Amino acid sequence: MGDIRRRGAVLLGITALTAPLTVALGAAPAQAASCTTQTGPYQKKVEKFLGLPVNGKQSASDCKAIKAFQTKHGISPNIGYAGPVTWGVMDLMNKQKAVGNKPNKAGKCPTNKGRIACVNLTLQLSWIQDGDKLVYGPVPVRTGRNGYETRTGLKKIYWRNIDHVSTIYNVPMPYSQFFDGGQAFHSVGVSMWNPPGSHGCVNMTKTTAKKYWSLLKTGDDVYVYGRKPGT
């Protein structure tokens, strides 16, 4: 009986996690993992982003390309529907690309702190600078989802652990550099655009996390600002 109850609890937990995303997709048809024939509200924008013929009408080739993009970045359901979640990821990618090599053009990350790691939640970008000199980045990152937002403000790296394992979620957090309670920079094995986000940490690719590990040290400043889309 106890095992049955535990299984029920797990199923309820999975349902609770997937429900918000299903709601966010709005009228997306529930066709399991097959390709949908329905045209989405962002069809033309998605077609243009993927370099497809832009006619605003779903085709088999459209669905195949959209589905591949969704699968790559962990967007669910991955049925090739051009909905708000898929377009939201693409739109963010466009905005990130537009930043170029001037992530602090607006001067929001302090330039009077020496070496500092900056995190722009709005654009989901991070970089390291020395004064007004860009040292590394900008690179895409994955910050806290709604309800687990990465906290804003000026912080300092207070502890580093290259082989850390989360005591809360029991998952590896390689190259962890903690700057605010349990929130840290660390690498993950998912896409940086995988919705809805982390549980508060600033997720990075392994390459980026290793670079941050080599460029930062205990006591270095971290500045987090902006607001992640959807939070």
C-alpha atoms as a PDB file:
ATOM      1  CA  MET A   1       0.000   0.000   0.000  1.00  0.00           C
ATOM      2  CA  GLY A   2       2.815   2.366   0.891  1.00  0.00           C
ATOM      3  CA  ASP A   3       4.454   1.700  -2.486  1.00  0.00           C
ATOM      4  CA  ILE A   4       1.183   2.439  -4.310  1.00  0.00           C
ATOM      5  CA  ARG A   5       0.782   5.696  -2.425  1.00  0.00           C
ATOM      6  CA  ARG A   6       4.332   6.710  -3.250  1.00  0.00           C
ATOM      7  CA  ARG A   7       3.756   5.983  -6.937  1.00  0.00           C
ATOM      8  CA  GLY A   8       0.602   8.080  -6.819  1.00  0.00           C
ATOM      9  CA  ALA A   9       2.497  10.950  -5.242  1.00  0.00           C
ATOM     10  CA  VAL A  10       5.165  10.777  -7.946  1.00  0.00           C
ATOM     11  CA  LEU A  11       2.528  10.847 -10.682  1.00  0.00           C
ATOM     12  CA  LEU A  12       0.822  13.815  -9.055  1.00  0.00           C
ATOM     13  CA  GLY A  13       4.177  15.596  -8.829  1.00  0.00           C
ATOM     14  CA  ILE A  14       4.881  15.008 -12.511  1.00  0.00           C
ATOM     15  CA  THR A  15       1.417  16.285 -13.404  1.00  0.00           C
ATOM     16  CA  ALA A  16       1.979  19.425 -11.317  1.00  0.00           C
ATOM     17  CA  LEU A  17       5.261  20.133 -13.099  1.00  0.00           C
ATOM     18  CA  THR A  18       3.910  19.647 -16.625  1.00  0.00           C
ATOM     19  CA  ALA A  19       0.566  21.401 -16.151  1.00  0.00           C
ATOM     20  CA  PRO A  20       1.908  25.000 -16.170  1.00  0.00           C
ATOM     21  CA  LEU A  21       3.704  24.409 -19.471  1.00  0.00           C
ATOM     22  CA  THR A  22       0.615  22.856 -21.020  1.00  0.00           C
ATOM     23  CA  VAL A  23      -1.391  25.906 -19.972  1.00  0.00           C
ATOM     24  CA  ALA A  24       1.293  28.221 -21.362  1.00  0.00           C
ATOM     25  CA  LEU A  25       1.002  26.527 -24.739  1.00  0.00           C
ATOM     26  CA  GLY A  26      -2.640  27.540 -24.862  1.00  0.00           C
ATOM     27  CA  ALA A  27      -4.533  25.868 -27.667  1.00  0.00           C
ATOM     28  CA  ALA A  28      -1.684  23.590 -28.745  1.00  0.00           C
ATOM     29  CA  PRO A  29      -3.226  20.281 -29.831  1.00  0.00           C
ATOM     30  CA  ALA A  30      -2.416  17.280 -27.639  1.00  0.00           C
ATOM     31  CA  GLN A  31      -1.136  14.822 -30.223  1.00  0.00           C
ATOM     32  CA  ALA A  32       1.489  13.007 -28.126  1.00  0.00           C
ATOM     33  CA  ALA A  33       4.861  12.924 -29.916  1.00  0.00           C
ATOM     34  CA  SER A  34       3.430  12.943 -33.446  1.00  0.00           C
ATOM     35  CA  CYS A  35       3.623  15.923 -35.771  1.00  0.00           C
ATOM     36  CA  THR A  36       0.683  18.285 -35.713  1.00  0.00           C
ATOM     37  CA  THR A  37      -0.948  19.551 -38.867  1.00  0.00           C
ATOM     38  CA  GLN A  38      -2.280  22.665 -37.168  1.00  0.00           C
ATOM     39  CA  THR A  39      -0.932  26.127 -37.906  1.00  0.00           C
ATOM     40  CA  GLY A  40       0.291  27.924 -34.808  1.00  0.00           C
ATOM     41  CA  PRO A  41      -0.204  31.584 -33.844  1.00  0.00           C
ATOM     42  CA  TYR A  42       3.509  32.282 -34.414  1.00  0.00           C
ATOM     43  CA  GLN A  43       3.801  30.275 -37.625  1.00  0.00           C
ATOM     44  CA  LYS A  44       5.335  32.981 -39.826  1.00  0.00           C
ATOM     45  CA  LYS A  45       7.825  34.120 -37.183  1.00  0.00           C
ATOM     46  CA  VAL A  46       8.899  30.559 -36.458  1.00  0.00           C
ATOM     47  CA  GLU A  47       9.230  29.769 -40.175  1.00  0.00           C
ATOM     48  CA  LYS A  48      11.425  32.832 -40.672  1.00  0.00           C
ATOM     49  CA  PHE A  49      13.613  31.980 -37.679  1.00  0.00           C
ATOM     50  CA  LEU A  50      14.196  28.443 -38.966  1.00  0.00           C
ATOM     51  CA  GLY A  51      14.855  29.575 -42.533  1.00  0.00           C
ATOM     52  CA  LEU A  52      11.734  27.905 -43.876  1.00  0.00           C
ATOM     53  CA  PRO A  53       9.431  29.223 -46.628  1.00  0.00           C
ATOM     54  CA  VAL A  54       7.356  31.899 -44.903  1.00  0.00           C
ATOM     55  CA  ASN A  55       3.701  31.414 -45.785  1.00  0.00           C
ATOM     56  CA  GLY A  56       2.058  31.117 -42.382  1.00  0.00           C
ATOM     57  CA  LYS A  57       0.706  27.642 -43.104  1.00  0.00           C
ATOM     58  CA  GLN A  58       1.842  24.458 -41.402  1.00  0.00           C
ATOM     59  CA  SER A  59       3.412  21.843 -43.651  1.00  0.00           C
ATOM     60  CA  ALA A  60       5.067  18.481 -43.030  1.00  0.00           C
ATOM     61  CA  SER A  61       8.509  20.053 -43.484  1.00  0.00           C
ATOM     62  CA  ASP A  62       7.582  22.920 -41.128  1.00  0.00           C
ATOM     63  CA  CYS A  63       6.488  20.490 -38.458  1.00  0.00           C
ATOM     64  CA  LYS A  64       9.622  18.377 -38.809  1.00  0.00           C
ATOM     65  CA  ALA A  65      11.898  21.421 -38.405  1.00  0.00           C
ATOM     66  CA  ILE A  66       9.910  22.905 -35.511  1.00  0.00           C
ATOM     67  CA  LYS A  67       9.771  19.553 -33.734  1.00  0.00           C
ATOM     68  CA  ALA A  68      13.553  19.111 -34.094  1.00  0.00           C
ATOM     69  CA  PHE A  69      14.088  22.547 -32.537  1.00  0.00           C
ATOM     70  CA  GLN A  70      11.701  21.731 -29.675  1.00  0.00           C
ATOM     71  CA  THR A  71      13.394  18.388 -29.014  1.00  0.00           C
ATOM     72  CA  LYS A  72      16.862  19.947 -29.009  1.00  0.00           C
ATOM     73  CA  HIS A  73      15.900  22.525 -26.407  1.00  0.00           C
ATOM     74  CA  GLY A  74      13.568  20.427 -24.251  1.00  0.00           C
ATOM     75  CA  ILE A  75      10.349  22.211 -25.218  1.00  0.00           C
ATOM     76  CA  SER A  76       7.292  20.093 -24.451  1.00  0.00           C
ATOM     77  CA  PRO A  77       5.112  18.953 -26.064  1.00  0.00           C
ATOM     78  CA  ASN A  78       7.471  18.554 -29.019  1.00  0.00           C
ATOM     79  CA  ILE A  79       4.834  18.121 -31.713  1.00  0.00           C
ATOM     80  CA  GLY A  80       5.974  20.830 -34.117  1.00  0.00           C
ATOM     81  CA  TYR A  81       3.399  23.411 -33.066  1.00  0.00           C
ATOM     82  CA  ALA A  82       4.419  27.073 -33.521  1.00  0.00           C
ATOM     83  CA  GLY A  83       3.108  28.225 -30.140  1.00  0.00           C
ATOM     84  CA  PRO A  84       4.122  30.927 -27.636  1.00  0.00           C
ATOM     85  CA  VAL A  85       6.708  28.861 -25.756  1.00  0.00           C
ATOM     86  CA  THR A  86       8.603  27.902 -28.906  1.00  0.00           C
ATOM     87  CA  TRP A  87       8.502  31.435 -30.281  1.00  0.00           C
ATOM     88  CA  GLY A  88       9.479  32.824 -26.874  1.00  0.00           C
ATOM     89  CA  VAL A  89      12.697  30.793 -26.975  1.00  0.00           C
ATOM     90  CA  MET A  90      13.450  31.884 -30.525  1.00  0.00           C
ATOM     91  CA  ASP A  91      12.717  35.533 -29.731  1.00  0.00           C
ATOM     92  CA  LEU A  92      15.102  35.364 -26.759  1.00  0.00           C
ATOM     93  CA  MET A  93      17.800  33.882 -28.992  1.00  0.00           C
ATOM     94  CA  ASN A  94      17.372  36.769 -31.423  1.00  0.00           C
ATOM     95  CA  LYS A  95      17.684  39.314 -28.615  1.00  0.00           C
ATOM     96  CA  GLN A  96      20.778  37.591 -27.231  1.00  0.00           C
ATOM     97  CA  LYS A  97      22.428  37.577 -30.632  1.00  0.00           C
ATOM     98  CA  ALA A  98      21.691  41.288 -31.075  1.00  0.00           C
ATOM     99  CA  VAL A  99      23.754  42.132 -27.976  1.00  0.00           C
ATOM    100  CA  GLY A 100      26.976  41.245 -29.764  1.00  0.00           C
ATOM    101  CA  ASN A 101      30.128  41.951 -27.765  1.00  0.00           C
ATOM    102  CA  LYS A 102      28.662  44.864 -25.796  1.00  0.00           C
ATOM    103  CA  PRO A 103      26.568  43.216 -23.072  1.00  0.00           C
ATOM    104  CA  ASN A 104      26.996  46.142 -20.665  1.00  0.00           C
ATOM    105  CA  LYS A 105      26.190  48.861 -23.182  1.00  0.00           C
ATOM    106  CA  ALA A 106      23.542  50.290 -20.829  1.00  0.00           C
ATOM    107  CA  GLY A 107      26.058  50.339 -17.957  1.00  0.00           C
ATOM    108  CA  LYS A 108      23.840  48.416 -15.533  1.00  0.00           C
ATOM    109  CA  CYS A 109      26.587  46.095 -14.285  1.00  0.00           C
ATOM    110  CA  PRO A 110      29.049  48.013 -12.032  1.00  0.00           C
ATOM    111  CA  THR A 111      32.349  49.005 -13.608  1.00  0.00           C
ATOM    112  CA  ASN A 112      33.968  50.174 -10.344  1.00  0.00           C
ATOM    113  CA  LYS A 113      34.370  46.734  -8.742  1.00  0.00           C
ATOM    114  CA  GLY A 114      37.283  45.323 -10.689  1.00  0.00           C
ATOM    115  CA  ARG A 115      36.588  41.752 -11.810  1.00  0.00           C
ATOM    116  CA  ILE A 116      32.879  41.002 -11.628  1.00  0.00           C
ATOM    117  CA  ALA A 117      30.506  38.395 -13.045  1.00  0.00           C
ATOM    118  CA  CYS A 118      27.349  39.991 -14.456  1.00  0.00           C
ATOM    119  CA  VAL A 119      23.999  38.263 -14.960  1.00  0.00           C
ATOM    120  CA  ASN A 120      21.263  39.882 -17.045  1.00  0.00           C
ATOM    121  CA  LEU A 121      18.086  37.971 -16.152  1.00  0.00           C
ATOM    122  CA  THR A 122      15.989  39.711 -18.803  1.00  0.00           C
ATOM    123  CA  LEU A 123      18.208  38.519 -21.641  1.00  0.00           C
ATOM    124  CA  GLN A 124      19.456  35.365 -19.885  1.00  0.00           C
ATOM    125  CA  LEU A 125      23.063  36.382 -20.508  1.00  0.00           C
ATOM    126  CA  SER A 126      26.153  36.428 -18.328  1.00  0.00           C
ATOM    127  CA  TRP A 127      29.677  37.739 -18.777  1.00  0.00           C
ATOM    128  CA  ILE A 128      32.808  38.630 -16.816  1.00  0.00           C
ATOM    129  CA  GLN A 129      34.314  42.103 -16.921  1.00  0.00           C
ATOM    130  CA  ASP A 130      37.193  44.021 -15.368  1.00  0.00           C
ATOM    131  CA  GLY A 131      36.035  47.609 -15.004  1.00  0.00           C
ATOM    132  CA  ASP A 132      34.643  48.437 -18.433  1.00  0.00           C
ATOM    133  CA  LYS A 133      36.764  45.764 -20.159  1.00  0.00           C
ATOM    134  CA  LEU A 134      34.976  42.607 -21.293  1.00  0.00           C
ATOM    135  CA  VAL A 135      36.949  39.547 -20.168  1.00  0.00           C
ATOM    136  CA  TYR A 136      34.653  36.700 -21.204  1.00  0.00           C
ATOM    137  CA  GLY A 137      31.243  36.320 -22.825  1.00  0.00           C
ATOM    138  CA  PRO A 138      28.485  37.190 -23.120  1.00  0.00           C
ATOM    139  CA  VAL A 139      27.138  33.650 -22.932  1.00  0.00           C
ATOM    140  CA  PRO A 140      23.558  32.340 -22.628  1.00  0.00           C
ATOM    141  CA  VAL A 141      22.601  31.062 -19.177  1.00  0.00           C
ATOM    142  CA  ARG A 142      19.544  29.443 -17.599  1.00  0.00           C
ATOM    143  CA  THR A 143      18.327  31.107 -14.411  1.00  0.00           C
ATOM    144  CA  GLY A 144      15.550  30.497 -11.887  1.00  0.00           C
ATOM    145  CA  ARG A 145      12.024  29.688 -13.012  1.00  0.00           C
ATOM    146  CA  ASN A 146       8.856  31.287 -11.632  1.00  0.00           C
ATOM    147  CA  GLY A 147       8.750  30.703  -7.882  1.00  0.00           C
ATOM    148  CA  TYR A 148      12.494  29.955  -7.763  1.00  0.00           C
ATOM    149  CA  GLU A 149      13.830  33.213  -9.170  1.00  0.00           C
ATOM    150  CA  THR A 150      17.537  33.971  -9.102  1.00  0.00           C
ATOM    151  CA  ARG A 151      17.809  36.791  -6.572  1.00  0.00           C
ATOM    152  CA  THR A 152      18.965  40.178  -7.816  1.00  0.00           C
ATOM    153  CA  GLY A 153      21.577  42.505  -6.382  1.00  0.00           C
ATOM    154  CA  LEU A 154      25.286  42.740  -5.675  1.00  0.00           C
ATOM    155  CA  LYS A 155      26.792  39.573  -4.165  1.00  0.00           C
ATOM    156  CA  LYS A 156      30.155  37.900  -3.643  1.00  0.00           C
ATOM    157  CA  ILE A 157      31.347  34.391  -4.369  1.00  0.00           C
ATOM    158  CA  TYR A 158      31.707  32.898  -0.907  1.00  0.00           C
ATOM    159  CA  TRP A 159      32.313  29.188  -1.601  1.00  0.00           C
ATOM    160  CA  ARG A 160      33.488  27.037  -4.512  1.00  0.00           C
ATOM    161  CA  ASN A 161      33.207  23.290  -4.984  1.00  0.00           C
ATOM    162  CA  ILE A 162      34.205  21.728  -8.293  1.00  0.00           C
ATOM    163  CA  ASP A 163      32.405  18.429  -7.603  1.00  0.00           C
ATOM    164  CA  HIS A 164      29.402  19.659  -5.644  1.00  0.00           C
ATOM    165  CA  VAL A 165      26.217  17.585  -5.398  1.00  0.00           C
ATOM    166  CA  SER A 166      22.959  19.263  -4.381  1.00  0.00           C
ATOM    167  CA  THR A 167      21.786  18.188  -0.933  1.00  0.00           C
ATOM    168  CA  ILE A 168      18.252  19.331  -1.842  1.00  0.00           C
ATOM    169  CA  TYR A 169      17.761  17.776  -5.284  1.00  0.00           C
ATOM    170  CA  ASN A 170      20.554  15.149  -5.131  1.00  0.00           C
ATOM    171  CA  VAL A 171      21.926  16.115  -8.540  1.00  0.00           C
ATOM    172  CA  PRO A 172      25.501  16.965  -9.584  1.00  0.00           C
ATOM    173  CA  MET A 173      26.419  20.660  -9.755  1.00  0.00           C
ATOM    174  CA  PRO A 174      29.895  20.664 -11.351  1.00  0.00           C
ATOM    175  CA  TYR A 175      32.059  23.773 -11.013  1.00  0.00           C
ATOM    176  CA  SER A 176      29.765  25.304  -8.401  1.00  0.00           C
ATOM    177  CA  GLN A 177      30.534  28.859  -7.296  1.00  0.00           C
ATOM    178  CA  PHE A 178      28.043  29.995  -4.648  1.00  0.00           C
ATOM    179  CA  PHE A 179      27.167  33.674  -4.388  1.00  0.00           C
ATOM    180  CA  ASP A 180      23.788  33.869  -2.587  1.00  0.00           C
ATOM    181  CA  GLY A 181      22.715  31.142  -0.173  1.00  0.00           C
ATOM    182  CA  GLY A 182      22.187  28.020  -2.259  1.00  0.00           C
ATOM    183  CA  GLN A 183      22.353  29.894  -5.568  1.00  0.00           C
ATOM    184  CA  ALA A 184      25.456  29.311  -7.635  1.00  0.00           C
ATOM    185  CA  PHE A 185      27.017  29.253 -11.080  1.00  0.00           C
ATOM    186  CA  HIS A 186      27.343  25.627 -12.213  1.00  0.00           C
ATOM    187  CA  SER A 187      27.188  23.454 -15.299  1.00  0.00           C
ATOM    188  CA  VAL A 188      24.209  21.374 -16.408  1.00  0.00           C
ATOM    189  CA  GLY A 189      23.581  18.893 -19.174  1.00  0.00           C
ATOM    190  CA  VAL A 190      20.497  20.553 -20.685  1.00  0.00           C
ATOM    191  CA  SER A 191      20.002  23.319 -23.222  1.00  0.00           C
ATOM    192  CA  MET A 192      20.378  26.861 -21.912  1.00  0.00           C
ATOM    193  CA  TRP A 193      16.961  27.545 -23.436  1.00  0.00           C
ATOM    194  CA  ASN A 194      15.258  24.582 -21.784  1.00  0.00           C
ATOM    195  CA  PRO A 195      12.066  25.911 -20.152  1.00  0.00           C
ATOM    196  CA  PRO A 196      10.987  26.808 -17.581  1.00  0.00           C
ATOM    197  CA  GLY A 197      14.424  27.319 -15.937  1.00  0.00           C
ATOM    198  CA  SER A 198      16.463  26.328 -12.901  1.00  0.00           C
ATOM    199  CA  HIS A 199      15.591  26.217  -9.207  1.00  0.00           C
ATOM    200  CA  GLY A 200      17.505  29.458  -8.653  1.00  0.00           C
ATOM    201  CA  CYS A 201      21.036  28.724  -9.778  1.00  0.00           C
ATOM    202  CA  VAL A 202      22.651  30.203 -12.859  1.00  0.00           C
ATOM    203  CA  ASN A 203      23.001  27.176 -15.133  1.00  0.00           C
ATOM    204  CA  MET A 204      25.791  27.102 -17.693  1.00  0.00           C
ATOM    205  CA  THR A 205      27.272  24.790 -20.286  1.00  0.00           C
ATOM    206  CA  LYS A 206      30.282  22.812 -19.109  1.00  0.00           C
ATOM    207  CA  THR A 207      32.581  24.949 -21.264  1.00  0.00           C
ATOM    208  CA  THR A 208      31.286  28.176 -19.723  1.00  0.00           C
ATOM    209  CA  ALA A 209      31.278  26.847 -16.159  1.00  0.00           C
ATOM    210  CA  LYS A 210      34.907  25.709 -16.514  1.00  0.00           C
ATOM    211  CA  LYS A 211      35.875  29.133 -17.855  1.00  0.00           C
ATOM    212  CA  TYR A 212      34.105  30.893 -14.979  1.00  0.00           C
ATOM    213  CA  TRP A 213      35.899  28.562 -12.571  1.00  0.00           C
ATOM    214  CA  SER A 214      39.268  29.576 -14.009  1.00  0.00           C
ATOM    215  CA  LEU A 215      38.521  33.311 -14.164  1.00  0.00           C
ATOM    216  CA  LEU A 216      36.797  33.839 -10.797  1.00  0.00           C
ATOM    217  CA  LYS A 217      37.795  33.243  -7.194  1.00  0.00           C
ATOM    218  CA  THR A 218      36.300  33.436  -3.727  1.00  0.00           C
ATOM    219  CA  GLY A 219      35.533  37.058  -2.872  1.00  0.00           C
ATOM    220  CA  ASP A 220      34.879  38.180  -6.448  1.00  0.00           C
ATOM    221  CA  ASP A 221      31.724  40.202  -7.042  1.00  0.00           C
ATOM    222  CA  VAL A 222      28.582  39.015  -8.798  1.00  0.00           C
ATOM    223  CA  TYR A 223      25.842  41.372  -9.965  1.00  0.00           C
ATOM    224  CA  VAL A 224      22.409  40.032 -10.923  1.00  0.00           C
ATOM    225  CA  TYR A 225      19.776  42.330 -12.440  1.00  0.00           C
ATOM    226  CA  GLY A 226      16.660  42.377 -14.582  1.00  0.00           C
ATOM    227  CA  ARG A 227      13.794  39.888 -14.663  1.00  0.00           C
ATOM    228  CA  LYS A 228      13.614  36.530 -16.402  1.00  0.00           C
ATOM    229  CA  PRO A 229      10.790  36.310 -18.947  1.00  0.00           C
ATOM    230  CA  GLY A 230       7.865  34.423 -17.434  1.00  0.00           C
ATOM    231  CA  THR A 231       8.644  35.238 -13.804  1.00  0.00           C
END
